């Protein structure tokens, strides 16, 4: 019994990690006054590029997934830069532009996947980040399996929670970001370069979403599937709301959704008589229930999704 619970809770942390990576980046983006629903496109692009680079550099050993991760972050920033050009320079609608980015990213990834690897793609396994048990702590009964037997990306993501929270709420730079999302005109009056700061936040959010995608193809599984993000970008957006635009609270929210995914996977393995499609719906049903329950109870940044025009 304890083994099953330990496995589910450990899987909760693993499943919650890419969701948290996406949410942390998006918190910075939305705190600056921009909403980027195109992070699903960032994630699938990062997943493909990370997997492909790691596959091509397999002779590098454990440096291959590191190179793939860097490539994923880079391409995520490029996609975010394209998005920022349209919404910050051309002042296009942020939701419509984000939707377009998603469609473009998925179409491009499907095309590249078909052209570069073809039908043999799913049989090609890349080098991945291995599990790194923390000495001594990993030997603790039950707790060791749950918390201290993961890959390095899991550790880094959760350790970054208090760091990013401190940066966003206790530093001058973080407060400047928040002022852009609450009252950009006042921020501009104080000498803050609003558009420049929003661009930097978008680049950070794009890098985080790209690395979240890389996590799926370089740590979660050693292969790539064009549909492997499976809506995680949109769940990440829900986590931002559920977490009240706070990094630490978003960590708890990510674990809630991670638990839904872990439980779904476990039930699929156990409940053989139930169509797996119904069990796969669990994380998305949870997302809808959470959003419905929070309707009207959370407060977004005042100038969120409102284009800033300097007078």
Protein backbone atom coordinates (compact mmCIF):
# COMPACT_ATOMS: atom_id res chain seq x y z
CA UNK A 1 0.00 0.00 0.00
CA UNK A 2 2.76 2.44 0.98
CA UNK A 3 4.66 1.52 -2.17
CA UNK A 4 1.69 2.48 -4.34
CA UNK A 5 1.23 5.78 -2.51
CA UNK A 6 4.95 6.53 -2.77
CA UNK A 7 4.92 5.81 -6.50
CA UNK A 8 1.93 8.08 -7.09
CA UNK A 9 3.40 10.94 -5.04
CA UNK A 10 6.79 10.62 -6.75
CA UNK A 11 5.02 10.63 -10.11
CA UNK A 12 3.09 13.71 -8.96
CA UNK A 13 6.36 15.62 -8.59
CA UNK A 14 7.63 14.41 -11.96
CA UNK A 15 4.37 15.23 -13.74
CA UNK A 16 4.11 18.60 -12.01
CA UNK A 17 7.62 19.73 -12.97
CA UNK A 18 6.99 20.74 -16.62
CA UNK A 19 3.71 22.38 -15.60
CA UNK A 20 5.53 24.40 -12.96
CA UNK A 21 8.28 25.41 -15.38
CA UNK A 22 5.66 26.78 -17.77
CA UNK A 23 3.76 28.51 -14.96
CA UNK A 24 6.84 30.19 -13.47
CA UNK A 25 7.76 31.74 -16.79
CA UNK A 26 4.19 32.82 -17.47
CA UNK A 27 3.88 34.43 -14.04
CA UNK A 28 6.67 36.82 -14.98
CA UNK A 29 5.04 37.47 -18.35
CA UNK A 30 1.61 38.20 -16.89
CA UNK A 31 2.99 40.21 -13.99
CA UNK A 32 4.50 42.50 -16.62
CA UNK A 33 1.07 43.01 -18.21
CA UNK A 34 1.20 40.55 -21.13
CA UNK A 35 -0.62 37.24 -21.54
CA UNK A 36 1.00 34.65 -23.78
CA UNK A 37 -1.28 31.73 -24.55
CA UNK A 38 1.24 30.73 -27.20
CA UNK A 39 3.34 28.92 -24.57
CA UNK A 40 1.86 25.63 -25.76
CA UNK A 41 3.63 26.34 -29.06
CA UNK A 42 6.82 27.22 -27.18
CA UNK A 43 6.65 23.92 -25.33
CA UNK A 44 6.12 21.65 -28.35
CA UNK A 45 8.87 23.47 -30.25
CA UNK A 46 11.22 23.05 -27.30
CA UNK A 47 10.32 19.37 -26.99
CA UNK A 48 11.16 18.71 -30.64
CA UNK A 49 14.34 20.77 -30.83
CA UNK A 50 15.65 19.38 -27.54
CA UNK A 51 15.02 15.81 -28.62
CA UNK A 52 16.46 16.32 -32.09
CA UNK A 53 19.64 18.04 -30.85
CA UNK A 54 20.19 15.39 -28.18
CA UNK A 55 19.63 12.69 -30.79
CA UNK A 56 22.16 14.21 -33.19
CA UNK A 57 24.73 14.68 -30.42
CA UNK A 58 24.26 11.27 -28.81
CA UNK A 59 28.02 10.67 -29.01
CA UNK A 60 28.48 13.46 -26.45
CA UNK A 61 27.15 11.23 -23.69
CA UNK A 62 25.52 13.10 -20.81
CA UNK A 63 26.31 16.43 -22.46
CA UNK A 64 23.82 15.62 -25.23
CA UNK A 65 20.66 16.32 -23.18
CA UNK A 66 22.31 19.45 -21.75
CA UNK A 67 22.89 20.70 -25.30
CA UNK A 68 19.29 19.79 -26.13
CA UNK A 69 18.03 21.74 -23.12
CA UNK A 70 20.02 24.82 -24.13
CA UNK A 71 18.70 24.53 -27.69
CA UNK A 72 15.14 24.24 -26.37
CA UNK A 73 15.51 27.36 -24.24
CA UNK A 74 16.97 29.22 -27.21
CA UNK A 75 14.19 28.27 -29.62
CA UNK A 76 11.62 29.09 -26.92
CA UNK A 77 13.09 32.58 -26.70
CA UNK A 78 12.97 32.94 -30.49
CA UNK A 79 9.28 32.02 -30.56
CA UNK A 80 8.64 34.45 -27.70
CA UNK A 81 10.54 37.17 -29.56
CA UNK A 82 8.28 36.70 -32.59
CA UNK A 83 5.25 36.97 -30.31
CA UNK A 84 6.64 40.11 -28.66
CA UNK A 85 7.20 41.77 -32.04
CA UNK A 86 3.54 41.45 -32.91
CA UNK A 87 1.99 42.31 -29.54
CA UNK A 88 4.45 44.95 -28.31
CA UNK A 89 5.54 46.59 -31.54
CA UNK A 90 2.49 46.13 -33.78
CA UNK A 91 0.00 46.12 -30.86
CA UNK A 92 -1.93 43.10 -32.14
CA UNK A 93 -4.44 41.30 -29.94
CA UNK A 94 -2.49 39.13 -27.51
CA UNK A 95 -4.93 36.22 -27.39
CA UNK A 96 -5.33 36.03 -31.16
CA UNK A 97 -1.57 36.32 -31.69
CA UNK A 98 -0.90 33.60 -29.12
CA UNK A 99 -3.38 31.33 -30.85
CA UNK A 100 -1.62 31.97 -34.14
CA UNK A 101 1.75 31.15 -32.56
CA UNK A 102 0.35 27.83 -31.33
CA UNK A 103 -1.00 26.90 -34.76
CA UNK A 104 2.24 27.93 -36.47
CA UNK A 105 4.42 26.05 -33.99
CA UNK A 106 2.45 22.81 -34.21
CA UNK A 107 2.31 22.96 -37.99
CA UNK A 108 6.03 23.66 -38.27
CA UNK A 109 6.97 20.94 -35.79
CA UNK A 110 4.83 18.36 -37.60
CA UNK A 111 6.44 19.36 -40.90
CA UNK A 112 10.01 19.20 -39.56
CA UNK A 113 9.34 15.93 -37.76
CA UNK A 114 7.98 14.35 -40.93
CA UNK A 115 10.76 15.67 -43.14
CA UNK A 116 13.69 15.01 -40.82
CA UNK A 117 12.85 11.68 -39.20
CA UNK A 118 9.72 10.39 -40.96
CA UNK A 119 7.94 7.26 -39.80
CA UNK A 120 10.96 6.01 -37.84
CA UNK A 121 10.85 8.95 -35.44
CA UNK A 122 9.13 7.21 -32.53
CA UNK A 123 11.74 4.44 -32.61
CA UNK A 124 14.61 6.92 -32.21
CA UNK A 125 15.59 7.42 -28.59
CA UNK A 126 17.65 10.38 -27.46
CA UNK A 127 20.04 10.68 -24.54
CA UNK A 128 18.13 11.85 -21.47
CA UNK A 129 18.70 13.23 -17.98
CA UNK A 130 19.07 10.26 -15.65
CA UNK A 131 17.74 9.99 -12.12
CA UNK A 132 20.15 11.47 -9.59
CA UNK A 133 19.41 10.12 -6.08
CA UNK A 134 20.52 12.54 -3.37
CA UNK A 135 23.03 10.75 -1.10
CA UNK A 136 21.71 9.68 2.31
CA UNK A 137 18.35 11.43 1.80
CA UNK A 138 17.38 9.01 -0.97
CA UNK A 139 17.72 6.14 1.52
CA UNK A 140 15.03 7.49 3.86
CA UNK A 141 12.05 5.08 3.80
CA UNK A 142 9.11 6.34 1.74
CA UNK A 143 10.23 10.00 1.78
CA UNK A 144 13.43 9.16 -0.08
CA UNK A 145 11.52 7.64 -2.98
CA UNK A 146 9.04 10.51 -3.10
CA UNK A 147 11.35 13.53 -2.87
CA UNK A 148 14.97 12.57 -3.45
CA UNK A 149 15.08 10.22 -6.44
CA UNK A 150 14.51 12.48 -9.44
CA UNK A 151 16.47 13.98 -12.30
CA UNK A 152 18.33 17.26 -11.94
CA UNK A 153 15.64 19.31 -13.73
CA UNK A 154 13.13 18.44 -11.02
CA UNK A 155 15.46 19.60 -8.26
CA UNK A 156 16.38 22.84 -10.02
CA UNK A 157 12.75 23.70 -10.78
CA UNK A 158 11.52 23.34 -7.20
CA UNK A 159 14.60 24.98 -5.67
CA UNK A 160 13.98 27.98 -7.93
CA UNK A 161 10.55 28.59 -6.35
CA UNK A 162 11.66 30.64 -3.32
CA UNK A 163 14.38 32.34 -5.40
CA UNK A 164 11.93 33.58 -8.03
CA UNK A 165 9.41 34.53 -5.36
CA UNK A 166 12.04 36.65 -3.59
CA UNK A 167 13.14 38.20 -6.88
CA UNK A 168 9.60 39.11 -7.91
CA UNK A 169 8.41 40.52 -4.58
CA UNK A 170 11.52 41.67 -2.75
CA UNK A 171 13.80 43.22 -5.36
CA UNK A 172 13.59 46.51 -7.21
CA UNK A 173 13.64 44.73 -10.57
CA UNK A 174 10.75 42.46 -9.57
CA UNK A 175 8.70 45.39 -8.31
CA UNK A 176 9.35 47.19 -11.59
CA UNK A 177 7.94 44.17 -13.43
CA UNK A 178 4.82 44.28 -11.27
CA UNK A 179 4.37 48.00 -11.82
CA UNK A 180 4.29 47.38 -15.58
CA UNK A 181 1.41 44.97 -15.09
CA UNK A 182 -0.51 47.15 -12.64
CA UNK A 183 -0.05 50.67 -14.01
CA UNK A 184 2.30 50.87 -17.01
CA UNK A 185 1.80 54.61 -17.53
CA UNK A 186 2.89 55.33 -13.97
CA UNK A 187 5.85 52.99 -14.44
CA UNK A 188 6.80 54.84 -17.60
CA UNK A 189 6.61 58.15 -15.75
CA UNK A 190 9.09 56.78 -13.21
CA UNK A 191 11.54 56.02 -15.99
CA UNK A 192 10.87 52.29 -16.33
CA UNK A 193 11.15 51.08 -19.92
CA UNK A 194 7.87 49.19 -20.02
CA UNK A 195 8.11 47.56 -23.45
CA UNK A 196 11.73 46.56 -22.87
CA UNK A 197 10.89 44.96 -19.53
CA UNK A 198 7.90 43.15 -21.01
CA UNK A 199 10.11 41.80 -23.80
CA UNK A 200 12.60 40.47 -21.24
CA UNK A 201 9.80 38.77 -19.32
CA UNK A 202 8.50 37.23 -22.54
CA UNK A 203 11.98 35.91 -23.33
CA UNK A 204 12.22 34.37 -19.86
CA UNK A 205 8.76 32.86 -20.21
CA UNK A 206 9.62 31.49 -23.65
CA UNK A 207 12.83 29.93 -22.35
CA UNK A 208 10.99 28.29 -19.45
CA UNK A 209 8.25 26.92 -21.73
CA UNK A 210 10.89 25.64 -24.17
CA UNK A 211 12.72 23.86 -21.35
CA UNK A 212 9.43 22.45 -20.08
CA UNK A 213 8.95 20.91 -23.51
CA UNK A 214 12.51 19.61 -23.40
CA UNK A 215 11.73 18.01 -20.04
CA UNK A 216 9.10 15.87 -21.74
CA UNK A 217 11.47 14.53 -24.42
CA UNK A 218 14.73 14.58 -22.45
CA UNK A 219 13.70 13.51 -18.96
CA UNK A 220 10.13 12.21 -18.92
CA UNK A 221 10.58 9.87 -21.91
CA UNK A 222 13.52 9.42 -24.36
CA UNK A 223 11.52 10.00 -27.54
CA UNK A 224 9.40 12.64 -29.25
CA UNK A 225 5.78 12.67 -30.33
CA UNK A 226 4.29 15.69 -32.16
CA UNK A 227 1.40 15.75 -29.69
CA UNK A 228 3.33 15.05 -26.51
CA UNK A 229 2.68 18.40 -24.80
CA UNK A 230 -1.01 17.41 -24.68
CA UNK A 231 -2.29 20.81 -23.58
CA UNK A 232 0.26 21.31 -20.80
CA UNK A 233 0.74 24.92 -21.88
CA UNK A 234 -2.92 25.65 -21.25
CA UNK A 235 -2.81 23.80 -17.93
CA UNK A 236 0.19 26.00 -17.08
CA UNK A 237 -1.99 29.05 -17.71
CA UNK A 238 -4.58 27.62 -15.32
CA UNK A 239 -1.88 27.08 -12.70
CA UNK A 240 -0.90 30.75 -12.93
CA UNK A 241 -4.49 31.69 -12.05
CA UNK A 242 -4.83 28.95 -9.42
CA UNK A 243 -1.57 30.13 -7.83
CA UNK A 244 -2.68 33.75 -7.76
CA UNK A 245 0.28 34.88 -9.88
CA UNK A 246 2.66 33.87 -7.04
CA UNK A 247 5.57 31.46 -7.73
CA UNK A 248 5.35 29.50 -4.44
CA UNK A 249 1.57 29.12 -4.65
CA UNK A 250 1.98 28.05 -8.27
CA UNK A 251 4.24 25.26 -6.99
CA UNK A 252 1.39 23.88 -4.91
CA UNK A 253 -1.02 24.27 -7.81
CA UNK A 254 1.35 22.42 -10.15
CA UNK A 255 1.45 19.50 -7.70
CA UNK A 256 -2.35 19.38 -7.65
CA UNK A 257 -2.46 19.04 -11.43
CA UNK A 258 0.55 16.72 -11.35
CA UNK A 259 -1.36 14.48 -8.96
CA UNK A 260 -4.27 14.37 -11.41
CA UNK A 261 -1.93 13.24 -14.20
CA UNK A 262 -0.15 10.71 -11.97
CA UNK A 263 -3.45 9.28 -10.76
CA UNK A 264 -4.72 9.10 -14.34
CA UNK A 265 -1.65 7.11 -15.41
CA UNK A 266 -1.97 4.79 -12.43
CA UNK A 267 -5.65 4.13 -13.04
CA UNK A 268 -4.98 3.36 -16.70
CA UNK A 269 -2.58 0.64 -15.60
CA UNK A 270 -4.96 -0.78 -13.00
CA UNK A 271 -8.48 -0.32 -14.39
CA UNK A 272 -8.17 -2.40 -17.53
CA UNK A 273 -11.92 -2.55 -18.08
CA UNK A 274 -12.31 1.22 -18.34
CA UNK A 275 -11.57 2.94 -21.68
CA UNK A 276 -8.27 4.77 -21.25
CA UNK A 277 -9.67 7.83 -23.03
CA UNK A 278 -11.93 8.52 -20.06
CA UNK A 279 -9.06 8.28 -17.60
CA UNK A 280 -6.91 10.57 -19.75
CA UNK A 281 -9.57 13.26 -19.32
CA UNK A 282 -8.90 13.50 -15.58
CA UNK A 283 -6.25 16.30 -15.64
CA UNK A 284 -8.35 18.42 -18.01
CA UNK A 285 -11.56 17.94 -16.04
CA UNK A 286 -9.60 18.99 -12.96
CA UNK A 287 -8.45 22.12 -14.82
CA UNK A 288 -12.03 23.09 -15.68
CA UNK A 289 -13.26 22.47 -12.14
CA UNK A 290 -10.49 24.58 -10.64
CA UNK A 291 -11.06 27.46 -13.05
CA UNK A 292 -14.82 27.33 -12.46
CA UNK A 293 -14.26 27.39 -8.71
CA UNK A 294 -11.89 30.35 -8.90
CA UNK A 295 -14.09 32.42 -11.19
CA UNK A 296 -14.33 35.89 -9.65
CA UNK A 297 -12.15 34.97 -6.65
CA UNK A 298 -8.74 35.88 -8.03
CA UNK A 299 -7.32 39.22 -9.03
CA UNK A 300 -5.16 39.43 -12.13
CA UNK A 301 -2.70 42.30 -12.75
CA UNK A 302 -4.78 45.39 -13.57
CA UNK A 303 -3.23 46.03 -16.98
CA UNK A 304 -3.03 42.39 -18.06
CA UNK A 305 -3.44 42.06 -21.86
CA UNK A 306 -3.88 45.83 -22.23
CA UNK A 307 -1.47 47.15 -24.89
CA UNK A 308 0.81 49.90 -23.58
CA UNK A 309 0.99 52.98 -25.75
CA UNK A 310 3.46 55.60 -24.68
CA UNK A 311 2.04 59.11 -24.90
